[in-house]
N, C-alpha and C. Protein backbone atom coordinates (compact mmCIF):
# COMPACT_ATOMS: atom_id res chain seq x y z
N MET A 1 -4.92 -43.73 55.72
CA MET A 1 -4.69 -42.33 55.43
C MET A 1 -3.93 -41.72 56.61
N SER A 2 -2.86 -41.04 56.32
CA SER A 2 -2.05 -40.48 57.40
C SER A 2 -2.72 -39.24 57.99
N SER A 3 -2.28 -38.88 59.18
CA SER A 3 -2.88 -37.73 59.86
C SER A 3 -2.61 -36.43 59.11
N THR A 4 -1.49 -36.37 58.40
CA THR A 4 -1.17 -35.17 57.62
C THR A 4 -2.16 -35.00 56.47
N LYS A 5 -2.52 -36.10 55.82
CA LYS A 5 -3.51 -36.03 54.74
C LYS A 5 -4.88 -35.63 55.28
N ILE A 6 -5.24 -36.17 56.44
CA ILE A 6 -6.52 -35.82 57.04
C ILE A 6 -6.54 -34.34 57.40
N LEU A 7 -5.45 -33.83 57.97
CA LEU A 7 -5.35 -32.41 58.29
C LEU A 7 -5.47 -31.56 57.03
N TYR A 8 -4.84 -32.00 55.96
CA TYR A 8 -4.90 -31.27 54.69
C TYR A 8 -6.34 -31.18 54.17
N VAL A 9 -7.06 -32.29 54.23
CA VAL A 9 -8.47 -32.31 53.78
C VAL A 9 -9.34 -31.43 54.68
N ILE A 10 -9.13 -31.53 55.98
CA ILE A 10 -9.92 -30.72 56.92
C ILE A 10 -9.67 -29.23 56.69
N LEU A 11 -8.41 -28.85 56.47
CA LEU A 11 -8.09 -27.45 56.21
C LEU A 11 -8.76 -26.96 54.93
N ASN A 12 -8.79 -27.80 53.89
CA ASN A 12 -9.47 -27.43 52.65
C ASN A 12 -10.96 -27.18 52.90
N VAL A 13 -11.60 -28.05 53.66
CA VAL A 13 -13.03 -27.90 53.93
C VAL A 13 -13.29 -26.63 54.75
N ILE A 14 -12.46 -26.40 55.78
CA ILE A 14 -12.64 -25.22 56.62
C ILE A 14 -12.46 -23.94 55.81
N ILE A 15 -11.45 -23.92 54.94
CA ILE A 15 -11.20 -22.73 54.11
C ILE A 15 -12.39 -22.46 53.19
N ILE A 16 -12.91 -23.50 52.59
CA ILE A 16 -14.06 -23.33 51.69
C ILE A 16 -15.28 -22.81 52.46
N LEU A 17 -15.54 -23.36 53.63
CA LEU A 17 -16.69 -22.92 54.43
C LEU A 17 -16.53 -21.47 54.89
N ILE A 18 -15.33 -21.10 55.33
CA ILE A 18 -15.13 -19.73 55.79
C ILE A 18 -15.21 -18.75 54.63
N LEU A 19 -14.66 -19.10 53.48
CA LEU A 19 -14.76 -18.22 52.31
C LEU A 19 -16.21 -18.05 51.88
N ALA A 20 -16.99 -19.12 51.96
CA ALA A 20 -18.41 -19.01 51.62
C ALA A 20 -19.13 -18.10 52.60
N SER A 21 -18.81 -18.21 53.89
CA SER A 21 -19.48 -17.35 54.87
C SER A 21 -19.03 -15.90 54.74
N ILE A 22 -17.76 -15.67 54.41
CA ILE A 22 -17.30 -14.29 54.17
C ILE A 22 -18.00 -13.71 52.95
N GLY A 23 -18.12 -14.51 51.89
CA GLY A 23 -18.83 -14.04 50.70
C GLY A 23 -20.28 -13.72 50.98
N LEU A 24 -20.93 -14.56 51.78
CA LEU A 24 -22.31 -14.29 52.16
C LEU A 24 -22.40 -13.02 53.00
N GLY A 25 -21.44 -12.84 53.90
CA GLY A 25 -21.43 -11.63 54.73
C GLY A 25 -21.24 -10.38 53.91
N ILE A 26 -20.34 -10.42 52.94
CA ILE A 26 -20.12 -9.26 52.06
C ILE A 26 -21.36 -8.99 51.23
N PHE A 27 -22.02 -10.05 50.75
CA PHE A 27 -23.23 -9.89 49.96
C PHE A 27 -24.34 -9.23 50.78
N VAL A 28 -24.56 -9.73 51.99
CA VAL A 28 -25.62 -9.18 52.84
C VAL A 28 -25.28 -7.74 53.23
N LEU A 29 -24.02 -7.48 53.57
CA LEU A 29 -23.62 -6.13 53.94
C LEU A 29 -23.79 -5.16 52.78
N SER A 30 -23.41 -5.59 51.58
CA SER A 30 -23.54 -4.69 50.43
C SER A 30 -25.01 -4.47 50.05
N THR A 31 -25.85 -5.50 50.14
CA THR A 31 -27.26 -5.29 49.82
C THR A 31 -27.93 -4.37 50.86
N THR A 32 -27.51 -4.50 52.10
CA THR A 32 -28.06 -3.62 53.13
C THR A 32 -27.60 -2.19 52.94
N LEU A 33 -26.32 -2.01 52.60
CA LEU A 33 -25.80 -0.67 52.38
C LEU A 33 -26.45 0.00 51.17
N LEU A 34 -26.78 -0.80 50.15
CA LEU A 34 -27.42 -0.27 48.96
C LEU A 34 -28.92 -0.07 49.15
N GLY A 35 -29.44 -0.51 50.28
CA GLY A 35 -30.86 -0.32 50.56
C GLY A 35 -31.76 -1.34 49.92
N ILE A 36 -31.21 -2.45 49.47
CA ILE A 36 -32.00 -3.51 48.85
C ILE A 36 -32.61 -4.36 49.96
N GLU A 37 -33.91 -4.52 49.93
CA GLU A 37 -34.58 -5.32 50.94
C GLU A 37 -34.31 -6.79 50.67
N GLN A 38 -33.95 -7.50 51.69
CA GLN A 38 -33.75 -8.95 51.59
C GLN A 38 -34.34 -9.61 52.81
N ASN A 39 -34.94 -10.74 52.63
CA ASN A 39 -35.59 -11.44 53.72
C ASN A 39 -35.00 -12.81 53.98
N PHE A 40 -34.00 -13.21 53.20
CA PHE A 40 -33.48 -14.56 53.36
C PHE A 40 -32.38 -14.66 54.40
N VAL A 41 -31.73 -13.54 54.76
CA VAL A 41 -30.72 -13.55 55.82
C VAL A 41 -31.06 -12.43 56.78
N LEU A 42 -31.19 -12.76 58.05
CA LEU A 42 -31.48 -11.76 59.05
C LEU A 42 -30.21 -11.45 59.83
N PHE A 43 -29.99 -10.18 60.11
CA PHE A 43 -28.86 -9.81 60.96
C PHE A 43 -29.09 -10.34 62.36
N SER A 44 -28.05 -10.86 62.97
CA SER A 44 -28.17 -11.25 64.38
C SER A 44 -27.94 -10.04 65.27
N GLU A 45 -27.49 -8.95 64.69
CA GLU A 45 -27.25 -7.72 65.44
C GLU A 45 -28.45 -6.80 65.24
N ASP A 46 -28.92 -6.22 66.32
CA ASP A 46 -30.01 -5.27 66.24
C ASP A 46 -29.43 -3.88 66.03
N VAL A 47 -29.88 -3.20 65.00
CA VAL A 47 -29.34 -1.89 64.66
C VAL A 47 -29.59 -0.90 65.78
N LEU A 48 -30.64 -1.08 66.54
CA LEU A 48 -30.97 -0.13 67.59
C LEU A 48 -29.97 -0.13 68.75
N THR A 49 -29.21 -1.22 68.91
CA THR A 49 -28.23 -1.25 70.00
C THR A 49 -26.99 -0.44 69.67
N TYR A 50 -26.81 -0.09 68.42
CA TYR A 50 -25.68 0.74 68.01
C TYR A 50 -26.15 2.19 67.93
N LYS A 51 -25.21 3.11 68.11
CA LYS A 51 -25.58 4.53 68.09
C LYS A 51 -26.02 4.97 66.71
N THR A 52 -25.35 4.45 65.69
CA THR A 52 -25.73 4.73 64.30
C THR A 52 -25.63 3.44 63.51
N GLU A 53 -26.24 3.44 62.36
CA GLU A 53 -26.10 2.27 61.50
C GLU A 53 -24.68 2.12 60.99
N GLY A 54 -23.98 3.23 60.85
CA GLY A 54 -22.59 3.20 60.40
C GLY A 54 -21.70 2.41 61.34
N MET A 55 -21.99 2.50 62.64
CA MET A 55 -21.21 1.73 63.61
C MET A 55 -21.40 0.23 63.40
N LEU A 56 -22.62 -0.17 63.12
CA LEU A 56 -22.89 -1.58 62.86
C LEU A 56 -22.14 -2.04 61.63
N TYR A 57 -22.14 -1.24 60.57
CA TYR A 57 -21.47 -1.63 59.35
C TYR A 57 -19.96 -1.68 59.54
N ARG A 58 -19.40 -0.74 60.31
CA ARG A 58 -17.96 -0.78 60.59
C ARG A 58 -17.61 -2.01 61.42
N TYR A 59 -18.44 -2.32 62.38
CA TYR A 59 -18.25 -3.49 63.22
C TYR A 59 -18.23 -4.77 62.37
N ILE A 60 -19.19 -4.90 61.49
CA ILE A 60 -19.26 -6.07 60.61
C ILE A 60 -18.08 -6.08 59.64
N PHE A 61 -17.70 -4.92 59.11
CA PHE A 61 -16.56 -4.84 58.19
C PHE A 61 -15.27 -5.29 58.88
N PHE A 62 -15.05 -4.83 60.11
CA PHE A 62 -13.85 -5.25 60.84
C PHE A 62 -13.83 -6.75 61.07
N LYS A 63 -14.98 -7.31 61.39
CA LYS A 63 -15.04 -8.75 61.60
C LYS A 63 -14.75 -9.51 60.30
N LEU A 64 -15.25 -9.01 59.17
CA LEU A 64 -14.98 -9.66 57.90
C LEU A 64 -13.49 -9.60 57.54
N VAL A 65 -12.85 -8.48 57.81
CA VAL A 65 -11.41 -8.35 57.55
C VAL A 65 -10.62 -9.33 58.43
N ILE A 66 -11.01 -9.43 59.68
CA ILE A 66 -10.31 -10.35 60.58
C ILE A 66 -10.51 -11.80 60.13
N TYR A 67 -11.71 -12.13 59.68
CA TYR A 67 -11.94 -13.48 59.16
C TYR A 67 -11.08 -13.74 57.92
N ALA A 68 -10.91 -12.72 57.09
CA ALA A 68 -10.05 -12.88 55.91
C ALA A 68 -8.60 -13.13 56.33
N VAL A 69 -8.13 -12.45 57.37
CA VAL A 69 -6.78 -12.70 57.88
C VAL A 69 -6.67 -14.13 58.41
N PHE A 70 -7.72 -14.61 59.06
CA PHE A 70 -7.71 -15.99 59.55
C PHE A 70 -7.67 -16.98 58.38
N VAL A 71 -8.36 -16.67 57.30
CA VAL A 71 -8.32 -17.55 56.12
C VAL A 71 -6.90 -17.59 55.55
N VAL A 72 -6.21 -16.45 55.54
CA VAL A 72 -4.82 -16.42 55.07
C VAL A 72 -3.96 -17.30 55.97
N ALA A 73 -4.20 -17.25 57.29
CA ALA A 73 -3.45 -18.11 58.22
C ALA A 73 -3.71 -19.58 57.93
N LEU A 74 -4.97 -19.92 57.68
CA LEU A 74 -5.29 -21.31 57.35
C LEU A 74 -4.68 -21.72 56.01
N TRP A 75 -4.64 -20.80 55.06
CA TRP A 75 -4.05 -21.09 53.76
C TRP A 75 -2.56 -21.38 53.90
N LYS A 76 -1.88 -20.59 54.72
CA LYS A 76 -0.45 -20.82 54.96
C LYS A 76 -0.23 -22.15 55.67
N LEU A 77 -1.11 -22.48 56.61
CA LEU A 77 -1.02 -23.77 57.28
C LEU A 77 -1.27 -24.91 56.30
N ARG A 78 -2.17 -24.69 55.36
CA ARG A 78 -2.44 -25.68 54.32
C ARG A 78 -1.21 -25.91 53.46
N LYS A 79 -0.53 -24.80 53.10
CA LYS A 79 0.70 -24.94 52.31
C LYS A 79 1.78 -25.68 53.10
N ALA A 80 1.88 -25.40 54.39
CA ALA A 80 2.86 -26.09 55.23
C ALA A 80 2.51 -27.57 55.34
N THR A 81 1.22 -27.89 55.45
CA THR A 81 0.81 -29.28 55.52
C THR A 81 1.11 -30.00 54.22
N LYS A 82 0.95 -29.31 53.10
CA LYS A 82 1.28 -29.91 51.81
C LYS A 82 2.77 -30.22 51.73
N LEU A 83 3.60 -29.33 52.29
CA LEU A 83 5.04 -29.58 52.32
C LEU A 83 5.38 -30.73 53.27
N LEU A 84 4.60 -30.87 54.35
CA LEU A 84 4.83 -31.97 55.28
C LEU A 84 4.53 -33.33 54.63
N LEU A 85 3.62 -33.34 53.67
CA LEU A 85 3.31 -34.59 52.97
C LEU A 85 4.52 -35.15 52.24
N ASN A 86 5.48 -34.29 51.90
CA ASN A 86 6.70 -34.73 51.20
C ASN A 86 7.77 -35.22 52.16
N ASN A 87 7.50 -35.18 53.48
CA ASN A 87 8.44 -35.60 54.52
C ASN A 87 9.75 -34.83 54.49
N ASP A 88 9.70 -33.59 54.05
CA ASP A 88 10.88 -32.72 54.06
C ASP A 88 10.71 -31.73 55.21
N PHE A 89 11.21 -32.14 56.40
CA PHE A 89 11.01 -31.33 57.59
C PHE A 89 12.01 -30.19 57.72
N HIS A 90 13.03 -30.20 56.88
CA HIS A 90 14.08 -29.17 56.97
C HIS A 90 13.97 -28.18 55.82
N ASN A 91 12.77 -27.98 55.35
CA ASN A 91 12.51 -27.06 54.26
C ASN A 91 12.30 -25.66 54.83
N THR A 92 13.00 -24.67 54.28
CA THR A 92 12.87 -23.30 54.76
C THR A 92 11.47 -22.76 54.54
N GLU A 93 10.86 -23.11 53.42
CA GLU A 93 9.50 -22.63 53.14
C GLU A 93 8.50 -23.19 54.16
N LEU A 94 8.67 -24.44 54.54
CA LEU A 94 7.80 -25.05 55.56
C LEU A 94 7.92 -24.30 56.88
N ILE A 95 9.14 -23.99 57.26
CA ILE A 95 9.36 -23.29 58.53
C ILE A 95 8.74 -21.90 58.50
N MET A 96 8.92 -21.19 57.41
CA MET A 96 8.37 -19.84 57.30
C MET A 96 6.85 -19.84 57.23
N GLU A 97 6.26 -20.80 56.51
CA GLU A 97 4.80 -20.88 56.41
C GLU A 97 4.17 -21.21 57.76
N MET A 98 4.80 -22.11 58.51
CA MET A 98 4.27 -22.45 59.83
C MET A 98 4.36 -21.26 60.78
N PHE A 99 5.48 -20.55 60.75
CA PHE A 99 5.65 -19.41 61.64
C PHE A 99 4.68 -18.29 61.29
N SER A 100 4.56 -17.97 60.00
CA SER A 100 3.64 -16.89 59.62
C SER A 100 2.19 -17.29 59.85
N SER A 101 1.85 -18.57 59.68
CA SER A 101 0.50 -19.03 59.97
C SER A 101 0.20 -18.87 61.46
N GLY A 102 1.16 -19.22 62.30
CA GLY A 102 0.98 -19.06 63.74
C GLY A 102 0.80 -17.60 64.13
N LYS A 103 1.62 -16.72 63.55
CA LYS A 103 1.50 -15.29 63.86
C LYS A 103 0.13 -14.75 63.44
N LEU A 104 -0.31 -15.13 62.24
CA LEU A 104 -1.61 -14.65 61.76
C LEU A 104 -2.76 -15.20 62.58
N MET A 105 -2.63 -16.44 63.06
CA MET A 105 -3.68 -17.00 63.92
C MET A 105 -3.77 -16.24 65.23
N VAL A 106 -2.62 -15.96 65.83
CA VAL A 106 -2.62 -15.20 67.08
C VAL A 106 -3.18 -13.81 66.84
N LEU A 107 -2.72 -13.16 65.77
CA LEU A 107 -3.19 -11.80 65.46
C LEU A 107 -4.69 -11.76 65.23
N SER A 108 -5.20 -12.67 64.41
CA SER A 108 -6.63 -12.65 64.10
C SER A 108 -7.48 -13.00 65.32
N SER A 109 -7.03 -13.92 66.13
CA SER A 109 -7.81 -14.30 67.31
C SER A 109 -7.84 -13.18 68.34
N VAL A 110 -6.69 -12.54 68.58
CA VAL A 110 -6.66 -11.42 69.53
C VAL A 110 -7.49 -10.26 69.00
N ALA A 111 -7.38 -9.98 67.69
CA ALA A 111 -8.14 -8.88 67.10
C ALA A 111 -9.64 -9.14 67.17
N LEU A 112 -10.06 -10.36 66.86
CA LEU A 112 -11.48 -10.68 66.91
C LEU A 112 -12.00 -10.64 68.35
N TRP A 113 -11.19 -11.08 69.27
CA TRP A 113 -11.57 -11.02 70.68
C TRP A 113 -11.75 -9.58 71.12
N LEU A 114 -10.81 -8.71 70.74
CA LEU A 114 -10.92 -7.29 71.09
C LEU A 114 -12.12 -6.63 70.43
N VAL A 115 -12.35 -6.91 69.16
CA VAL A 115 -13.49 -6.30 68.46
C VAL A 115 -14.79 -6.75 69.10
N ASP A 116 -14.89 -8.03 69.46
CA ASP A 116 -16.11 -8.51 70.12
C ASP A 116 -16.31 -7.85 71.48
N GLU A 117 -15.24 -7.77 72.25
CA GLU A 117 -15.37 -7.17 73.59
C GLU A 117 -15.67 -5.67 73.51
N ILE A 118 -14.99 -4.97 72.61
CA ILE A 118 -15.28 -3.54 72.43
C ILE A 118 -16.70 -3.34 71.94
N GLY A 119 -17.15 -4.19 71.04
CA GLY A 119 -18.53 -4.12 70.56
C GLY A 119 -19.52 -4.37 71.68
N ASN A 120 -19.22 -5.33 72.54
CA ASN A 120 -20.12 -5.62 73.66
C ASN A 120 -20.17 -4.45 74.65
N ILE A 121 -19.01 -3.87 74.95
CA ILE A 121 -18.95 -2.82 75.96
C ILE A 121 -19.55 -1.51 75.46
N PHE A 122 -19.11 -1.06 74.28
CA PHE A 122 -19.50 0.27 73.83
C PHE A 122 -20.83 0.29 73.07
N TYR A 123 -21.11 -0.73 72.31
CA TYR A 123 -22.30 -0.69 71.48
C TYR A 123 -23.50 -1.34 72.15
N LYS A 124 -23.29 -2.50 72.73
CA LYS A 124 -24.41 -3.22 73.32
C LYS A 124 -24.54 -2.95 74.81
N ARG A 125 -23.56 -2.28 75.37
CA ARG A 125 -23.54 -1.94 76.79
C ARG A 125 -23.64 -3.19 77.67
N GLN A 126 -22.89 -4.23 77.28
CA GLN A 126 -22.82 -5.46 78.05
C GLN A 126 -21.37 -5.72 78.42
N VAL A 127 -21.15 -6.16 79.63
CA VAL A 127 -19.83 -6.59 80.04
C VAL A 127 -19.94 -8.05 80.44
N VAL A 128 -19.23 -8.90 79.72
CA VAL A 128 -19.27 -10.33 80.01
C VAL A 128 -18.00 -10.68 80.77
N LEU A 129 -18.18 -11.06 82.02
CA LEU A 129 -17.05 -11.47 82.84
C LEU A 129 -17.01 -12.99 82.91
N GLY A 130 -15.81 -13.53 82.94
CA GLY A 130 -15.67 -14.97 83.03
C GLY A 130 -15.36 -15.56 81.67
N LEU A 131 -15.32 -16.86 81.62
CA LEU A 131 -15.01 -17.57 80.39
C LEU A 131 -16.29 -17.99 79.69
N SER A 132 -16.45 -17.51 78.49
CA SER A 132 -17.57 -17.95 77.67
C SER A 132 -17.04 -18.92 76.62
N GLU A 133 -17.94 -19.47 75.83
CA GLU A 133 -17.52 -20.38 74.77
C GLU A 133 -16.65 -19.66 73.74
N LYS A 134 -17.02 -18.42 73.42
CA LYS A 134 -16.24 -17.64 72.46
C LYS A 134 -14.83 -17.39 72.98
N THR A 135 -14.72 -17.06 74.25
CA THR A 135 -13.41 -16.80 74.84
C THR A 135 -12.55 -18.04 74.79
N LEU A 136 -13.13 -19.20 75.07
CA LEU A 136 -12.37 -20.44 75.00
C LEU A 136 -11.91 -20.75 73.58
N VAL A 137 -12.73 -20.43 72.60
CA VAL A 137 -12.32 -20.63 71.20
C VAL A 137 -11.17 -19.69 70.86
N TYR A 138 -11.28 -18.42 71.27
CA TYR A 138 -10.19 -17.48 71.00
C TYR A 138 -8.89 -17.94 71.65
N LEU A 139 -8.98 -18.40 72.90
CA LEU A 139 -7.78 -18.86 73.59
C LEU A 139 -7.19 -20.11 72.94
N SER A 140 -8.04 -21.00 72.46
CA SER A 140 -7.52 -22.21 71.81
C SER A 140 -6.86 -21.88 70.47
N VAL A 141 -7.40 -20.92 69.72
CA VAL A 141 -6.77 -20.52 68.46
C VAL A 141 -5.43 -19.82 68.75
N ILE A 142 -5.39 -19.02 69.81
CA ILE A 142 -4.12 -18.39 70.19
C ILE A 142 -3.10 -19.47 70.57
N ALA A 143 -3.54 -20.48 71.32
CA ALA A 143 -2.64 -21.57 71.71
C ALA A 143 -2.14 -22.33 70.48
N MET A 144 -3.04 -22.58 69.51
CA MET A 144 -2.61 -23.27 68.28
C MET A 144 -1.59 -22.43 67.51
N GLY A 145 -1.82 -21.13 67.44
CA GLY A 145 -0.88 -20.25 66.75
C GLY A 145 0.48 -20.23 67.42
N LEU A 146 0.48 -20.15 68.75
CA LEU A 146 1.75 -20.18 69.49
C LEU A 146 2.45 -21.53 69.33
N PHE A 147 1.67 -22.61 69.29
CA PHE A 147 2.25 -23.93 69.07
C PHE A 147 2.89 -24.03 67.69
N LEU A 148 2.22 -23.50 66.68
CA LEU A 148 2.81 -23.51 65.33
C LEU A 148 4.11 -22.71 65.29
N MET A 149 4.13 -21.58 65.98
CA MET A 149 5.35 -20.78 66.04
C MET A 149 6.46 -21.54 66.76
N LEU A 150 6.12 -22.27 67.82
CA LEU A 150 7.10 -23.07 68.55
C LEU A 150 7.65 -24.20 67.68
N ILE A 151 6.76 -24.90 67.00
CA ILE A 151 7.20 -26.00 66.13
C ILE A 151 8.09 -25.48 65.01
N SER A 152 7.76 -24.33 64.45
CA SER A 152 8.61 -23.79 63.38
C SER A 152 9.98 -23.40 63.92
N THR A 153 10.03 -22.92 65.15
CA THR A 153 11.33 -22.61 65.76
C THR A 153 12.14 -23.88 65.98
N VAL A 154 11.47 -24.93 66.44
CA VAL A 154 12.15 -26.22 66.64
C VAL A 154 12.67 -26.75 65.30
N LEU A 155 11.84 -26.68 64.26
CA LEU A 155 12.27 -27.15 62.94
C LEU A 155 13.44 -26.31 62.40
N ARG A 156 13.41 -25.01 62.66
CA ARG A 156 14.51 -24.15 62.23
C ARG A 156 15.81 -24.55 62.94
N ASP A 157 15.71 -24.84 64.23
CA ASP A 157 16.90 -25.25 64.97
C ASP A 157 17.41 -26.61 64.50
N THR A 158 16.50 -27.54 64.22
CA THR A 158 16.93 -28.85 63.72
C THR A 158 17.54 -28.73 62.33
N LYS A 159 17.05 -27.79 61.54
CA LYS A 159 17.64 -27.56 60.22
C LYS A 159 19.07 -27.05 60.36
N THR A 160 19.28 -26.15 61.30
CA THR A 160 20.62 -25.62 61.54
C THR A 160 21.55 -26.72 62.02
N ILE A 161 21.09 -27.56 62.92
CA ILE A 161 21.91 -28.67 63.41
C ILE A 161 22.22 -29.66 62.30
N LYS A 162 21.24 -29.93 61.45
CA LYS A 162 21.44 -30.85 60.33
C LYS A 162 22.48 -30.29 59.35
N GLU A 163 22.40 -28.98 59.07
CA GLU A 163 23.37 -28.36 58.17
C GLU A 163 24.77 -28.42 58.76
N GLU A 164 24.90 -28.21 60.08
CA GLU A 164 26.21 -28.31 60.71
C GLU A 164 26.75 -29.72 60.66
N ASN A 165 25.87 -30.71 60.88
CA ASN A 165 26.29 -32.11 60.80
C ASN A 165 26.69 -32.49 59.39
N ASP A 166 25.99 -31.99 58.39
CA ASP A 166 26.34 -32.27 57.01
C ASP A 166 27.69 -31.69 56.63
N LEU A 167 28.05 -30.54 57.23
CA LEU A 167 29.34 -29.92 56.94
C LEU A 167 30.49 -30.67 57.59
N THR A 168 30.26 -31.29 58.74
CA THR A 168 31.34 -31.99 59.43
C THR A 168 31.60 -33.35 58.83
N ILE A 169 30.68 -33.89 58.09
CA ILE A 169 30.87 -35.22 57.51
C ILE A 169 31.59 -35.16 56.23
């Protein structure tokens, strides 16, 4: 099995798991907002650390939106990987999907990092200095997004060179 096929399968599994967790998050958030008592999922956030319950719900809503943007980035990467399986490296759609996936990965990682840090500072009154595991994950996702953008630029340049060579022959 080639590495491209393995990447395609891994992306499918990750997308399914993230969509399931987003669905569970929306379900728990909506049941809590509607006042329905539930005991099967406990919030990891303590409502008392926030000034109002509305702040907690906005915080969770922002995180869910950012996760949805990350799923879109993974979906675009999945489409690019599917195009890579055809060994057509000079495909315009492949280049655009890789570039937009990279941009969305960088955007979602920076946004999630900011939301977490703002939540820690203003709501929980904690300032975490140094590198934590979460920070390293955010930085690695940013690096992957920038790498995808770089590779798409390289592929775009090779496509241009290939088209020029095809015209001279």
